[in-house]
């Protein structure tokens, strides 16, 4: 489950934003395991979609 404004970090080493932090801009319910999470990255202030398995909460 990810909540709006929750800090996250990209953990998938194969992604361009690996190791970078941002915050969630679109919430995902704890029972929804397939929706993408919308994250605004701190590095460039742009929003990107990530699989839930590609990020973790800070």
Protein backbone atom coordinates (compact mmCIF):
# COMPACT_ATOMS: atom_id res chain seq x y z
CA UNK A 1 0.00 0.00 0.00
CA UNK A 2 1.28 3.44 -0.90
CA UNK A 3 -0.25 6.71 0.29
CA UNK A 4 -0.12 10.17 -1.27
CA UNK A 5 2.94 12.15 -0.13
CA UNK A 6 4.67 9.00 1.15
CA UNK A 7 8.40 9.04 0.56
CA UNK A 8 9.70 6.18 -1.60
CA UNK A 9 12.92 5.03 -3.22
CA UNK A 10 13.35 3.15 -6.49
CA UNK A 11 14.89 -0.26 -5.76
CA UNK A 12 14.91 -1.92 -9.20
CA UNK A 13 18.51 -1.78 -10.43
CA UNK A 14 17.39 -2.09 -14.06
CA UNK A 15 15.56 1.25 -13.98
CA UNK A 16 17.02 4.65 -14.84
CA UNK A 17 15.91 6.09 -11.48
CA UNK A 18 17.43 3.31 -9.34
CA UNK A 19 18.47 4.63 -5.93
CA UNK A 20 16.60 7.90 -6.34
CA UNK A 21 13.90 9.11 -3.98
CA UNK A 22 10.56 10.76 -4.58
CA UNK A 23 7.04 10.86 -3.20
CA UNK A 24 3.78 9.21 -4.17
CA UNK A 25 1.25 11.41 -6.01
CA UNK A 26 -1.41 8.73 -6.61
CA UNK A 27 -2.43 6.37 -3.80
CA UNK A 28 -2.65 2.59 -4.21
CA UNK A 29 -4.96 0.52 -2.00
CA UNK A 30 -3.40 -2.28 0.06
CA UNK A 31 -5.53 -4.87 -1.77
CA UNK A 32 -4.52 -3.61 -5.23
CA UNK A 33 -1.33 -5.44 -6.18
CA UNK A 34 -1.32 -4.67 -9.92
CA UNK A 35 -1.78 -0.89 -10.31
CA UNK A 36 1.20 1.30 -11.04
CA UNK A 37 2.30 3.89 -8.50
CA UNK A 38 2.70 7.49 -9.66
CA UNK A 39 5.84 9.04 -8.14
CA UNK A 40 7.22 12.58 -8.44
CA UNK A 41 11.00 12.23 -8.38
CA UNK A 42 13.04 14.65 -6.25
CA UNK A 43 15.83 14.74 -8.85
CA UNK A 44 13.89 16.30 -11.73
CA UNK A 45 10.42 17.07 -10.28
CA UNK A 46 8.78 14.90 -12.98
CA UNK A 47 6.16 12.19 -12.41
CA UNK A 48 6.81 8.58 -13.41
CA UNK A 49 4.82 5.35 -13.09
CA UNK A 50 6.44 2.42 -11.33
CA UNK A 51 5.36 -1.12 -10.58
CA UNK A 52 4.74 -1.56 -6.87
CA UNK A 53 7.62 -4.05 -6.70
CA UNK A 54 10.08 -1.46 -8.09
CA UNK A 55 9.82 0.91 -5.13
CA UNK A 56 9.81 0.76 -1.35
CA UNK A 57 8.71 3.16 1.37
CA UNK A 58 11.29 5.31 3.11
